[in-house]
Amino acid sequence: MIHVLAEGAAAAANTGAQPGGSYQVIIMLILMIAIFYFMIIRPNSKQQKKHRELVQALSAGTEVVTSGGLIGKITTVHENFVTLEISEGVEIIMQRGSVGAILPKDTIKNIAKGSKSD
């Protein structure tokens, strides 16, 4: 990066360009870094923080949807894993981080009622 700035300054000196052209390059570089930070890094870190809080808030009886699309009710919560009941008598153990969202209470009942009337 410093090499590029030095070449830019040397080229400006050779062509008779106004001095201070290297400051424009530095300002543009700073602007690009700021845009990159506010458009990509900051929103991503906010989303990760939100997901971390969601995973910490998991408790038994919570209805969730996983990142794989499974819907179920959490029966037990361990340090790194949860037991998810996906159907009556069918339970699976999965990582806490794979929980994608918490659903409103009785969502599973409402979905089951809707599929029986079809």
C-alpha atoms as a PDB file:
ATOM      1  CA  MET A   1       0.000   0.000   0.000  1.00  0.00           C
ATOM      2  CA  ILE A   2       2.835   2.398   0.846  1.00  0.00           C
ATOM      3  CA  HIS A   3       4.502   1.415  -2.404  1.00  0.00           C
ATOM      4  CA  VAL A   4       1.399   2.489  -4.345  1.00  0.00           C
ATOM      5  CA  LEU A   5       1.309   5.837  -2.557  1.00  0.00           C
ATOM      6  CA  ALA A   6       5.017   6.417  -3.258  1.00  0.00           C
ATOM      7  CA  GLU A   7       4.519   5.623  -6.965  1.00  0.00           C
ATOM      8  CA  GLY A   8       1.562   8.006  -7.100  1.00  0.00           C
ATOM      9  CA  ALA A   9       3.617  10.791  -5.553  1.00  0.00           C
ATOM     10  CA  ALA A  10       6.533  10.128  -7.946  1.00  0.00           C
ATOM     11  CA  ALA A  11       4.211  10.136 -10.962  1.00  0.00           C
ATOM     12  CA  ALA A  12       2.656  13.420  -9.836  1.00  0.00           C
ATOM     13  CA  ALA A  13       6.120  14.970  -9.483  1.00  0.00           C
ATOM     14  CA  ASN A  14       7.189  13.772 -12.945  1.00  0.00           C
ATOM     15  CA  THR A  15       4.082  15.003 -14.768  1.00  0.00           C
ATOM     16  CA  GLY A  16       4.083  18.407 -13.150  1.00  0.00           C
ATOM     17  CA  ALA A  17       0.808  17.776 -11.334  1.00  0.00           C
ATOM     18  CA  GLN A  18      -0.085  19.851  -8.359  1.00  0.00           C
ATOM     19  CA  PRO A  19       1.545  18.835  -5.098  1.00  0.00           C
ATOM     20  CA  GLY A  20      -0.816  17.324  -2.571  1.00  0.00           C
ATOM     21  CA  GLY A  21      -2.224  14.721  -4.972  1.00  0.00           C
ATOM     22  CA  SER A  22      -1.090  11.967  -2.635  1.00  0.00           C
ATOM     23  CA  TYR A  23      -3.414  13.376   0.018  1.00  0.00           C
ATOM     24  CA  GLN A  24      -6.327  12.687  -2.293  1.00  0.00           C
ATOM     25  CA  VAL A  25      -5.274   9.058  -2.549  1.00  0.00           C
ATOM     26  CA  ILE A  26      -5.027   8.760   1.225  1.00  0.00           C
ATOM     27  CA  ILE A  27      -8.442  10.394   1.694  1.00  0.00           C
ATOM     28  CA  MET A  28     -10.014   8.054  -0.880  1.00  0.00           C
ATOM     29  CA  LEU A  29      -8.451   5.050   0.833  1.00  0.00           C
ATOM     30  CA  ILE A  30      -9.803   6.143   4.211  1.00  0.00           C
ATOM     31  CA  LEU A  31     -13.229   6.731   2.680  1.00  0.00           C
ATOM     32  CA  MET A  32     -13.254   3.255   1.129  1.00  0.00           C
ATOM     33  CA  ILE A  33     -12.297   1.657   4.451  1.00  0.00           C
ATOM     34  CA  ALA A  34     -15.062   3.590   6.237  1.00  0.00           C
ATOM     35  CA  ILE A  35     -17.651   2.535   3.663  1.00  0.00           C
ATOM     36  CA  PHE A  36     -16.512  -1.092   3.905  1.00  0.00           C
ATOM     37  CA  TYR A  37     -16.831  -0.962   7.700  1.00  0.00           C
ATOM     38  CA  PHE A  38     -20.305   0.592   7.794  1.00  0.00           C
ATOM     39  CA  MET A  39     -21.724  -1.481   4.922  1.00  0.00           C
ATOM     40  CA  ILE A  40     -20.327  -4.933   5.757  1.00  0.00           C
ATOM     41  CA  ILE A  41     -18.518  -5.374   9.071  1.00  0.00           C
ATOM     42  CA  ARG A  42     -20.821  -3.450  11.424  1.00  0.00           C
ATOM     43  CA  PRO A  43     -24.155  -4.978  10.274  1.00  0.00           C
ATOM     44  CA  ASN A  44     -22.640  -8.469  10.373  1.00  0.00           C
ATOM     45  CA  SER A  45     -21.372  -8.031  13.944  1.00  0.00           C
ATOM     46  CA  LYS A  46     -24.797  -6.734  15.024  1.00  0.00           C
ATOM     47  CA  GLN A  47     -26.468  -9.792  13.500  1.00  0.00           C
ATOM     48  CA  GLN A  48     -24.015 -12.126  15.253  1.00  0.00           C
ATOM     49  CA  LYS A  49     -24.670 -10.408  18.592  1.00  0.00           C
ATOM     50  CA  LYS A  50     -28.426 -10.759  18.106  1.00  0.00           C
ATOM     51  CA  HIS A  51     -28.071 -14.503  17.354  1.00  0.00           C
ATOM     52  CA  ARG A  52     -25.801 -14.994  20.399  1.00  0.00           C
ATOM     53  CA  GLU A  53     -28.481 -13.384  22.609  1.00  0.00           C
ATOM     54  CA  LEU A  54     -31.166 -15.600  21.040  1.00  0.00           C
ATOM     55  CA  VAL A  55     -29.136 -18.753  21.740  1.00  0.00           C
ATOM     56  CA  GLN A  56     -28.519 -17.687  25.350  1.00  0.00           C
ATOM     57  CA  ALA A  57     -32.255 -17.107  25.887  1.00  0.00           C
ATOM     58  CA  LEU A  58     -33.267 -20.680  24.962  1.00  0.00           C
ATOM     59  CA  SER A  59     -35.192 -22.589  27.624  1.00  0.00           C
ATOM     60  CA  ALA A  60     -37.314 -25.722  27.898  1.00  0.00           C
ATOM     61  CA  GLY A  61     -40.749 -25.316  26.332  1.00  0.00           C
ATOM     62  CA  THR A  62     -39.629 -22.770  23.751  1.00  0.00           C
ATOM     63  CA  GLU A  63     -40.807 -23.420  20.202  1.00  0.00           C
ATOM     64  CA  VAL A  64     -38.069 -22.840  17.637  1.00  0.00           C
ATOM     65  CA  VAL A  65     -37.168 -23.248  13.997  1.00  0.00           C
ATOM     66  CA  THR A  66     -33.666 -24.496  13.177  1.00  0.00           C
ATOM     67  CA  SER A  67     -31.369 -23.258  10.451  1.00  0.00           C
ATOM     68  CA  GLY A  68     -32.199 -26.470   8.596  1.00  0.00           C
ATOM     69  CA  GLY A  69     -35.936 -25.703   8.675  1.00  0.00           C
ATOM     70  CA  LEU A  70     -37.070 -28.120  11.408  1.00  0.00           C
ATOM     71  CA  ILE A  71     -39.763 -26.855  13.765  1.00  0.00           C
ATOM     72  CA  GLY A  72     -39.986 -28.207  17.273  1.00  0.00           C
ATOM     73  CA  LYS A  73     -40.195 -27.604  20.995  1.00  0.00           C
ATOM     74  CA  ILE A  74     -37.112 -27.604  23.206  1.00  0.00           C
ATOM     75  CA  THR A  75     -37.407 -30.200  25.963  1.00  0.00           C
ATOM     76  CA  THR A  76     -33.999 -29.884  27.628  1.00  0.00           C
ATOM     77  CA  VAL A  77     -31.190 -27.367  27.404  1.00  0.00           C
ATOM     78  CA  HIS A  78     -27.552 -28.319  27.922  1.00  0.00           C
ATOM     79  CA  GLU A  79     -24.452 -26.133  27.799  1.00  0.00           C
ATOM     80  CA  ASN A  80     -23.808 -26.569  24.054  1.00  0.00           C
ATOM     81  CA  PHE A  81     -26.774 -28.698  22.950  1.00  0.00           C
ATOM     82  CA  VAL A  82     -30.567 -28.736  23.125  1.00  0.00           C
ATOM     83  CA  THR A  83     -33.018 -31.611  22.855  1.00  0.00           C
ATOM     84  CA  LEU A  84     -35.714 -30.764  20.345  1.00  0.00           C
ATOM     85  CA  GLU A  85     -39.036 -32.597  20.127  1.00  0.00           C
ATOM     86  CA  ILE A  86     -40.003 -32.497  16.455  1.00  0.00           C
ATOM     87  CA  SER A  87     -42.996 -34.813  16.775  1.00  0.00           C
ATOM     88  CA  GLU A  88     -44.729 -36.578  19.645  1.00  0.00           C
ATOM     89  CA  GLY A  89     -42.156 -39.018  21.012  1.00  0.00           C
ATOM     90  CA  VAL A  90     -39.471 -38.039  18.482  1.00  0.00           C
ATOM     91  CA  GLU A  91     -36.593 -36.080  19.934  1.00  0.00           C
ATOM     92  CA  ILE A  92     -33.278 -35.041  18.428  1.00  0.00           C
ATOM     93  CA  ILE A  93     -30.193 -33.522  19.993  1.00  0.00           C
ATOM     94  CA  MET A  94     -28.677 -30.571  18.180  1.00  0.00           C
ATOM     95  CA  GLN A  95     -26.244 -27.736  18.774  1.00  0.00           C
ATOM     96  CA  ARG A  96     -27.645 -24.581  20.318  1.00  0.00           C
ATOM     97  CA  GLY A  97     -26.165 -22.462  17.537  1.00  0.00           C
ATOM     98  CA  SER A  98     -28.264 -24.203  14.903  1.00  0.00           C
ATOM     99  CA  VAL A  99     -31.443 -22.648  16.297  1.00  0.00           C
ATOM    100  CA  GLY A 100     -32.434 -19.985  13.797  1.00  0.00           C
ATOM    101  CA  ALA A 101     -35.421 -18.278  15.431  1.00  0.00           C
ATOM    102  CA  ILE A 102     -37.818 -18.492  18.345  1.00  0.00           C
ATOM    103  CA  LEU A 103     -41.435 -18.956  17.329  1.00  0.00           C
ATOM    104  CA  PRO A 104     -44.521 -17.523  19.062  1.00  0.00           C
ATOM    105  CA  LYS A 105     -46.199 -19.809  21.593  1.00  0.00           C
ATOM    106  CA  ASP A 106     -48.531 -22.510  20.153  1.00  0.00           C
ATOM    107  CA  THR A 107     -47.195 -22.115  16.605  1.00  0.00           C
ATOM    108  CA  ILE A 108     -46.749 -25.887  16.301  1.00  0.00           C
ATOM    109  CA  LYS A 109     -50.379 -26.497  17.342  1.00  0.00           C
ATOM    110  CA  ASN A 110     -51.650 -23.965  14.801  1.00  0.00           C
ATOM    111  CA  ILE A 111     -49.551 -25.487  12.030  1.00  0.00           C
ATOM    112  CA  ALA A 112     -50.804 -28.985  12.924  1.00  0.00           C
ATOM    113  CA  LYS A 113     -54.440 -27.818  12.903  1.00  0.00           C
ATOM    114  CA  GLY A 114     -53.980 -26.172   9.517  1.00  0.00           C
ATOM    115  CA  SER A 115     -52.471 -29.273   7.916  1.00  0.00           C
ATOM    116  CA  LYS A 116     -55.266 -31.569   9.202  1.00  0.00           C
ATOM    117  CA  SER A 117     -57.992 -29.491   7.524  1.00  0.00           C
ATOM    118  CA  ASP A 118     -56.298 -29.745   4.090  1.00  0.00           C
END
